[in-house]
Amino acid sequence: MRTYQLVGADGRPYRSPTPGTWGGHRRTKIYGRLDCPSAHQALTRGHYTRHRVFFPDEPTAIAAGYRPCAVCCRDRYLGWKAAR
């Protein structure tokens, strides 16, 4: 059986039988959709991959201290920014 490495609400990695539904970048602490155009551009440049993490859902990404992507989660990002 294949397993996937996800990040939990405590920010620690764990193994899961199901893949993550949200992606993130460990260094910038930004999360977004798996089909994010900004993440895909960074992946093609090559340096993004080693810092990429995955979350089971959006609330877990938020609980782990990640902020929404300004590109693929524009409304969430604007809400996050206004709350700051």
N, C-alpha and C. Protein backbone atom coordinates (compact mmCIF):
# COMPACT_ATOMS: atom_id res chain seq x y z
N MET A 1 0.85 -1.18 0.00
CA MET A 1 0.00 0.00 0.00
C MET A 1 0.89 1.25 0.00
N ARG A 2 0.55 2.20 -0.82
CA ARG A 2 1.30 3.45 -0.91
C ARG A 2 0.91 4.36 0.25
N THR A 3 1.89 5.08 0.79
CA THR A 3 1.62 6.08 1.82
C THR A 3 2.16 7.43 1.37
N TYR A 4 1.59 8.46 1.93
CA TYR A 4 1.96 9.83 1.59
C TYR A 4 2.41 10.55 2.87
N GLN A 5 3.34 11.44 2.73
CA GLN A 5 3.77 12.22 3.88
C GLN A 5 3.01 13.53 3.90
N LEU A 6 2.26 13.75 4.96
CA LEU A 6 1.48 14.97 5.14
C LEU A 6 2.00 15.71 6.36
N VAL A 7 1.55 16.95 6.53
CA VAL A 7 1.89 17.75 7.70
C VAL A 7 0.61 17.92 8.50
N GLY A 8 0.71 17.69 9.81
CA GLY A 8 -0.44 17.82 10.69
C GLY A 8 -0.58 19.23 11.24
N ALA A 9 -1.64 19.44 12.02
CA ALA A 9 -1.92 20.74 12.61
C ALA A 9 -0.79 21.20 13.53
N ASP A 10 -0.01 20.25 14.06
CA ASP A 10 1.11 20.60 14.92
C ASP A 10 2.37 20.93 14.13
N GLY A 11 2.28 20.88 12.79
CA GLY A 11 3.42 21.19 11.93
C GLY A 11 4.38 20.03 11.73
N ARG A 12 4.06 18.88 12.26
CA ARG A 12 4.94 17.71 12.16
C ARG A 12 4.47 16.78 11.05
N PRO A 13 5.41 16.17 10.34
CA PRO A 13 5.05 15.24 9.27
C PRO A 13 4.52 13.91 9.82
N TYR A 14 3.65 13.28 9.06
CA TYR A 14 3.14 11.96 9.40
C TYR A 14 2.78 11.23 8.11
N ARG A 15 2.68 9.94 8.17
CA ARG A 15 2.32 9.11 7.00
C ARG A 15 0.82 8.90 6.96
N SER A 16 0.27 8.95 5.73
CA SER A 16 -1.16 8.77 5.53
C SER A 16 -1.41 7.89 4.31
N PRO A 17 -2.46 7.07 4.34
CA PRO A 17 -2.79 6.27 3.16
C PRO A 17 -3.47 7.10 2.06
N THR A 18 -3.90 8.32 2.38
CA THR A 18 -4.54 9.18 1.40
C THR A 18 -3.67 10.41 1.13
N PRO A 19 -3.63 10.88 -0.12
CA PRO A 19 -2.81 12.05 -0.44
C PRO A 19 -3.41 13.33 0.11
N GLY A 20 -2.59 14.35 0.21
CA GLY A 20 -3.06 15.64 0.67
C GLY A 20 -3.93 16.33 -0.38
N THR A 21 -4.78 17.23 0.08
CA THR A 21 -5.64 17.97 -0.83
C THR A 21 -5.19 19.42 -0.99
N TRP A 22 -4.22 19.84 -0.17
CA TRP A 22 -3.64 21.18 -0.24
C TRP A 22 -2.12 21.05 -0.18
N GLY A 23 -1.42 21.96 -0.84
CA GLY A 23 0.04 21.96 -0.81
C GLY A 23 0.54 23.19 -0.10
N GLY A 24 1.80 23.16 0.28
CA GLY A 24 2.38 24.31 0.95
C GLY A 24 3.89 24.36 0.74
N HIS A 25 4.47 25.43 1.17
CA HIS A 25 5.92 25.62 1.08
C HIS A 25 6.43 25.83 2.50
N ARG A 26 7.28 24.93 2.95
CA ARG A 26 7.76 24.92 4.34
C ARG A 26 8.48 26.21 4.73
N ARG A 27 9.27 26.77 3.85
CA ARG A 27 10.06 27.96 4.21
C ARG A 27 9.23 29.24 4.24
N THR A 28 8.31 29.41 3.29
CA THR A 28 7.52 30.64 3.25
C THR A 28 6.25 30.54 4.08
N LYS A 29 5.88 29.31 4.48
CA LYS A 29 4.67 29.05 5.27
C LYS A 29 3.41 29.53 4.53
N ILE A 30 3.36 29.23 3.22
CA ILE A 30 2.20 29.55 2.39
C ILE A 30 1.57 28.24 1.94
N TYR A 31 0.23 28.17 1.97
CA TYR A 31 -0.46 26.99 1.46
C TYR A 31 -1.38 27.40 0.31
N GLY A 32 -1.72 26.44 -0.53
CA GLY A 32 -2.63 26.71 -1.64
C GLY A 32 -3.12 25.44 -2.28
N ARG A 33 -3.89 25.63 -3.33
CA ARG A 33 -4.45 24.49 -4.07
C ARG A 33 -3.33 23.74 -4.79
N LEU A 34 -3.56 22.47 -5.03
CA LEU A 34 -2.55 21.66 -5.73
C LEU A 34 -2.38 22.09 -7.18
N ASP A 35 -3.37 22.76 -7.75
CA ASP A 35 -3.28 23.22 -9.14
C ASP A 35 -2.90 24.71 -9.24
N CYS A 36 -2.30 25.25 -8.20
CA CYS A 36 -1.93 26.67 -8.17
C CYS A 36 -0.92 27.00 -9.27
N PRO A 37 -1.20 27.99 -10.12
CA PRO A 37 -0.25 28.35 -11.17
C PRO A 37 1.08 28.86 -10.62
N SER A 38 1.03 29.56 -9.50
CA SER A 38 2.26 30.07 -8.91
C SER A 38 3.16 28.93 -8.42
N ALA A 39 2.58 27.94 -7.78
CA ALA A 39 3.34 26.78 -7.32
C ALA A 39 3.91 26.01 -8.51
N HIS A 40 3.12 25.87 -9.56
CA HIS A 40 3.60 25.14 -10.75
C HIS A 40 4.79 25.86 -11.39
N GLN A 41 4.76 27.18 -11.42
CA GLN A 41 5.90 27.94 -11.95
C GLN A 41 7.13 27.70 -11.09
N ALA A 42 6.96 27.73 -9.78
CA ALA A 42 8.09 27.50 -8.87
C ALA A 42 8.63 26.08 -9.01
N LEU A 43 7.73 25.11 -9.21
CA LEU A 43 8.16 23.72 -9.39
C LEU A 43 9.00 23.57 -10.66
N THR A 44 8.63 24.25 -11.72
CA THR A 44 9.39 24.13 -12.97
C THR A 44 10.77 24.77 -12.85
N ARG A 45 10.91 25.75 -11.97
CA ARG A 45 12.23 26.36 -11.74
C ARG A 45 13.14 25.44 -10.92
N GLY A 46 12.55 24.48 -10.20
CA GLY A 46 13.33 23.43 -9.56
C GLY A 46 13.63 23.52 -8.09
N HIS A 47 13.59 24.66 -7.47
CA HIS A 47 13.98 24.77 -6.07
C HIS A 47 12.83 24.56 -5.09
N TYR A 48 11.64 24.61 -5.57
CA TYR A 48 10.44 24.53 -4.73
C TYR A 48 10.21 23.13 -4.17
N THR A 49 10.56 22.11 -4.92
CA THR A 49 10.21 20.73 -4.59
C THR A 49 10.69 20.29 -3.21
N ARG A 50 11.90 20.60 -2.85
CA ARG A 50 12.41 20.08 -1.58
C ARG A 50 11.79 20.73 -0.35
N HIS A 51 11.07 21.83 -0.52
CA HIS A 51 10.40 22.50 0.59
C HIS A 51 8.88 22.34 0.54
N ARG A 52 8.40 21.56 -0.40
CA ARG A 52 6.97 21.38 -0.57
C ARG A 52 6.43 20.41 0.47
N VAL A 53 5.28 20.75 1.02
CA VAL A 53 4.59 19.91 1.99
C VAL A 53 3.13 19.77 1.56
N PHE A 54 2.44 18.81 2.15
CA PHE A 54 1.04 18.56 1.80
C PHE A 54 0.19 18.46 3.06
N PHE A 55 -1.04 18.91 2.96
CA PHE A 55 -1.97 18.90 4.08
C PHE A 55 -3.23 18.11 3.71
N PRO A 56 -3.85 17.47 4.71
CA PRO A 56 -5.07 16.72 4.41
C PRO A 56 -6.24 17.63 4.08
N ASP A 57 -6.23 18.86 4.63
CA ASP A 57 -7.31 19.81 4.38
C ASP A 57 -6.84 21.22 4.73
N GLU A 58 -7.66 22.19 4.38
CA GLU A 58 -7.28 23.58 4.61
C GLU A 58 -7.20 23.96 6.10
N PRO A 59 -8.14 23.52 6.95
CA PRO A 59 -8.02 23.86 8.37
C PRO A 59 -6.70 23.38 8.99
N THR A 60 -6.20 22.25 8.54
CA THR A 60 -4.92 21.75 9.06
C THR A 60 -3.77 22.66 8.65
N ALA A 61 -3.79 23.15 7.42
CA ALA A 61 -2.75 24.07 6.96
C ALA A 61 -2.75 25.34 7.80
N ILE A 62 -3.92 25.85 8.07
CA ILE A 62 -4.06 27.08 8.88
C ILE A 62 -3.57 26.82 10.30
N ALA A 63 -3.99 25.69 10.88
CA ALA A 63 -3.58 25.35 12.25
C ALA A 63 -2.07 25.18 12.35
N ALA A 64 -1.43 24.73 11.28
CA ALA A 64 0.02 24.53 11.27
C ALA A 64 0.77 25.85 11.10
N GLY A 65 0.04 26.96 10.94
CA GLY A 65 0.67 28.27 10.86
C GLY A 65 0.95 28.77 9.46
N TYR A 66 0.32 28.17 8.45
CA TYR A 66 0.51 28.59 7.07
C TYR A 66 -0.54 29.62 6.69
N ARG A 67 -0.18 30.52 5.79
CA ARG A 67 -1.13 31.53 5.30
C ARG A 67 -1.57 31.17 3.89
N PRO A 68 -2.73 31.68 3.45
CA PRO A 68 -3.21 31.37 2.11
C PRO A 68 -2.37 32.03 1.01
N CYS A 69 -2.30 31.37 -0.13
CA CYS A 69 -1.60 31.87 -1.31
C CYS A 69 -2.38 33.06 -1.89
N ALA A 70 -1.67 34.09 -2.26
CA ALA A 70 -2.31 35.28 -2.85
C ALA A 70 -2.76 35.04 -4.28
N VAL A 71 -2.30 33.97 -4.91
CA VAL A 71 -2.66 33.70 -6.30
C VAL A 71 -3.89 32.79 -6.39
N CYS A 72 -3.81 31.61 -5.81
CA CYS A 72 -4.90 30.64 -5.98
C CYS A 72 -5.97 30.72 -4.90
N CYS A 73 -5.71 31.43 -3.83
CA CYS A 73 -6.68 31.59 -2.73
C CYS A 73 -6.86 33.08 -2.45
N ARG A 74 -7.08 33.83 -3.50
CA ARG A 74 -7.10 35.30 -3.41
C ARG A 74 -8.04 35.83 -2.33
N ASP A 75 -9.28 35.35 -2.28
CA ASP A 75 -10.24 35.84 -1.29
C ASP A 75 -9.78 35.51 0.13
N ARG A 76 -9.32 34.29 0.32
CA ARG A 76 -8.82 33.90 1.65
C ARG A 76 -7.61 34.74 2.04
N TYR A 77 -6.72 34.99 1.06
CA TYR A 77 -5.54 35.79 1.32
C TYR A 77 -5.93 37.22 1.72
N LEU A 78 -6.87 37.81 1.01
CA LEU A 78 -7.29 39.18 1.33
C LEU A 78 -7.90 39.24 2.73
N GLY A 79 -8.67 38.21 3.09
CA GLY A 79 -9.23 38.13 4.45
C GLY A 79 -8.14 37.99 5.49
N TRP A 80 -7.15 37.16 5.20
CA TRP A 80 -6.02 36.96 6.10
C TRP A 80 -5.24 38.27 6.28
N LYS A 81 -5.01 38.96 5.17
CA LYS A 81 -4.26 40.20 5.20
C LYS A 81 -5.02 41.29 5.97
N ALA A 82 -6.32 41.36 5.76
CA ALA A 82 -7.15 42.37 6.47
C ALA A 82 -7.16 42.11 7.97
N ALA A 83 -7.11 40.84 8.37
CA ALA A 83 -7.09 40.49 9.78
C ALA A 83 -5.78 40.86 10.45
N ARG A 84 -4.75 41.04 9.68
CA ARG A 84 -3.43 41.43 10.22
C ARG A 84 -3.45 42.89 10.50
